[in-house]
Amino acid sequence: MKLIPGAVVTGGTSLAYKTGSWRDQKPIIDRELCKSCGICEEVCPDDSVKAQMGIYSIDYEYCKGCGLCAYECPAGAIQMIAEQR
């Protein structure tokens, strides 16, 4: 994909590439604290956060560990932890 300065790229395009090996931290969702608001899914630039029947999970094969989901979670239900290699 050729990038043009000032252009907006559609989110979730990294699904064409498994990028999970890039991260040094990964998000963990505490389901007891999660309010199922969907903000984490909205802010994820890699489309790695998905909901199934109101339960959110992270596809670690594509998550780069940017931490946006944890930063934006109003309930504090997502914590970033060191990746075990």
C-alpha atoms as a PDB file:
ATOM      1  CA  MET A   1       0.000   0.000   0.000  1.00  0.00           C
ATOM      2  CA  LYS A   2       1.430   3.366  -0.986  1.00  0.00           C
ATOM      3  CA  LEU A   3       0.904   6.016   1.680  1.00  0.00           C
ATOM      4  CA  ILE A   4       0.134   9.579   0.680  1.00  0.00           C
ATOM      5  CA  PRO A   5       1.075  12.371   3.133  1.00  0.00           C
ATOM      6  CA  GLY A   6      -2.057  13.702   4.825  1.00  0.00           C
ATOM      7  CA  ALA A   7      -4.180  10.727   3.767  1.00  0.00           C
ATOM      8  CA  VAL A   8      -6.171   8.674   6.258  1.00  0.00           C
ATOM      9  CA  VAL A   9      -5.588   4.933   6.253  1.00  0.00           C
ATOM     10  CA  THR A  10      -8.455   2.594   7.052  1.00  0.00           C
ATOM     11  CA  GLY A  11      -8.058   0.923  10.461  1.00  0.00           C
ATOM     12  CA  GLY A  12      -7.657  -2.820  10.735  1.00  0.00           C
ATOM     13  CA  THR A  13      -5.463  -3.177   7.659  1.00  0.00           C
ATOM     14  CA  SER A  14      -2.827  -5.092   9.607  1.00  0.00           C
ATOM     15  CA  LEU A  15      -5.051  -8.179   9.481  1.00  0.00           C
ATOM     16  CA  ALA A  16      -3.197  -8.964   6.276  1.00  0.00           C
ATOM     17  CA  TYR A  17      -0.055  -9.544   8.390  1.00  0.00           C
ATOM     18  CA  LYS A  18       0.418 -11.347  11.691  1.00  0.00           C
ATOM     19  CA  THR A  19       2.074  -8.661  13.805  1.00  0.00           C
ATOM     20  CA  GLY A  20       1.792 -10.151  17.293  1.00  0.00           C
ATOM     21  CA  SER A  21       5.502 -10.938  17.483  1.00  0.00           C
ATOM     22  CA  TRP A  22       6.283  -7.192  17.464  1.00  0.00           C
ATOM     23  CA  ARG A  23       5.024  -6.444  20.955  1.00  0.00           C
ATOM     24  CA  ASP A  24       6.848  -6.475  24.282  1.00  0.00           C
ATOM     25  CA  GLN A  25       3.658  -5.955  26.318  1.00  0.00           C
ATOM     26  CA  LYS A  26       0.223  -7.462  25.857  1.00  0.00           C
ATOM     27  CA  PRO A  27      -3.217  -6.403  27.051  1.00  0.00           C
ATOM     28  CA  ILE A  28      -5.165  -8.622  29.439  1.00  0.00           C
ATOM     29  CA  ILE A  29      -8.907  -8.056  29.910  1.00  0.00           C
ATOM     30  CA  ASP A  30     -10.364  -8.536  33.397  1.00  0.00           C
ATOM     31  CA  ARG A  31     -13.849  -9.784  32.523  1.00  0.00           C
ATOM     32  CA  GLU A  32     -15.161  -8.954  35.996  1.00  0.00           C
ATOM     33  CA  LEU A  33     -14.295  -5.268  35.535  1.00  0.00           C
ATOM     34  CA  CYS A  34     -15.265  -5.067  31.840  1.00  0.00           C
ATOM     35  CA  LYS A  35     -18.503  -3.122  31.221  1.00  0.00           C
ATOM     36  CA  SER A  36     -18.742  -4.238  27.554  1.00  0.00           C
ATOM     37  CA  CYS A  37     -18.761  -0.603  26.407  1.00  0.00           C
ATOM     38  CA  GLY A  38     -16.837  -1.389  23.202  1.00  0.00           C
ATOM     39  CA  ILE A  39     -14.357   1.475  23.442  1.00  0.00           C
ATOM     40  CA  CYS A  40     -11.403  -0.939  23.292  1.00  0.00           C
ATOM     41  CA  GLU A  41     -12.732  -2.395  20.043  1.00  0.00           C
ATOM     42  CA  GLU A  42     -13.226   1.086  18.570  1.00  0.00           C
ATOM     43  CA  VAL A  43      -9.742   2.401  19.383  1.00  0.00           C
ATOM     44  CA  CYS A  44      -7.742  -0.689  18.378  1.00  0.00           C
ATOM     45  CA  PRO A  45      -5.801   0.288  15.242  1.00  0.00           C
ATOM     46  CA  ASP A  46      -5.249  -3.364  14.346  1.00  0.00           C
ATOM     47  CA  ASP A  47      -8.837  -4.597  14.728  1.00  0.00           C
ATOM     48  CA  SER A  48      -7.510  -7.089  17.307  1.00  0.00           C
ATOM     49  CA  VAL A  49     -10.269  -6.609  19.892  1.00  0.00           C
ATOM     50  CA  LYS A  50     -13.477  -8.479  19.160  1.00  0.00           C
ATOM     51  CA  ALA A  51     -16.734  -9.101  20.996  1.00  0.00           C
ATOM     52  CA  GLN A  52     -18.694 -12.299  20.907  1.00  0.00           C
ATOM     53  CA  MET A  53     -22.003 -12.270  22.782  1.00  0.00           C
ATOM     54  CA  GLY A  54     -20.847  -9.239  24.805  1.00  0.00           C
ATOM     55  CA  ILE A  55     -17.543 -10.815  25.859  1.00  0.00           C
ATOM     56  CA  TYR A  56     -14.423  -9.060  24.593  1.00  0.00           C
ATOM     57  CA  SER A  57     -11.221 -10.844  23.663  1.00  0.00           C
ATOM     58  CA  ILE A  58      -7.944  -9.983  21.966  1.00  0.00           C
ATOM     59  CA  ASP A  59      -6.456 -11.716  18.953  1.00  0.00           C
ATOM     60  CA  TYR A  60      -2.817 -11.859  20.008  1.00  0.00           C
ATOM     61  CA  GLU A  61      -1.626 -12.904  16.557  1.00  0.00           C
ATOM     62  CA  TYR A  62      -2.379  -9.369  15.344  1.00  0.00           C
ATOM     63  CA  CYS A  63      -2.152  -7.234  18.514  1.00  0.00           C
ATOM     64  CA  LYS A  64       1.022  -5.108  18.486  1.00  0.00           C
ATOM     65  CA  GLY A  65       0.723  -4.175  22.161  1.00  0.00           C
ATOM     66  CA  CYS A  66       0.277  -0.441  21.589  1.00  0.00           C
ATOM     67  CA  GLY A  67      -1.809  -0.115  24.767  1.00  0.00           C
ATOM     68  CA  LEU A  68      -4.546   2.122  23.344  1.00  0.00           C
ATOM     69  CA  CYS A  69      -7.227  -0.275  24.561  1.00  0.00           C
ATOM     70  CA  ALA A  70      -5.868  -0.185  28.124  1.00  0.00           C
ATOM     71  CA  TYR A  71      -5.381   3.588  28.063  1.00  0.00           C
ATOM     72  CA  GLU A  72      -8.931   4.291  26.863  1.00  0.00           C
ATOM     73  CA  CYS A  73     -10.791   1.699  28.970  1.00  0.00           C
ATOM     74  CA  PRO A  74     -13.001   3.738  31.352  1.00  0.00           C
ATOM     75  CA  ALA A  75     -13.408   0.771  33.732  1.00  0.00           C
ATOM     76  CA  GLY A  76      -9.685   0.020  33.985  1.00  0.00           C
ATOM     77  CA  ALA A  77     -10.451  -3.533  32.887  1.00  0.00           C
ATOM     78  CA  ILE A  78      -7.434  -3.844  30.589  1.00  0.00           C
ATOM     79  CA  GLN A  79      -3.909  -4.066  31.942  1.00  0.00           C
ATOM     80  CA  MET A  80      -0.696  -4.222  29.939  1.00  0.00           C
ATOM     81  CA  ILE A  81       1.685  -6.951  31.107  1.00  0.00           C
ATOM     82  CA  ALA A  82       5.176  -7.888  29.967  1.00  0.00           C
ATOM     83  CA  GLU A  83       5.197 -10.385  27.118  1.00  0.00           C
ATOM     84  CA  GLN A  84       6.757 -13.744  27.997  1.00  0.00           C
ATOM     85  CA  ARG A  85       9.177 -14.860  25.293  1.00  0.00           C
END
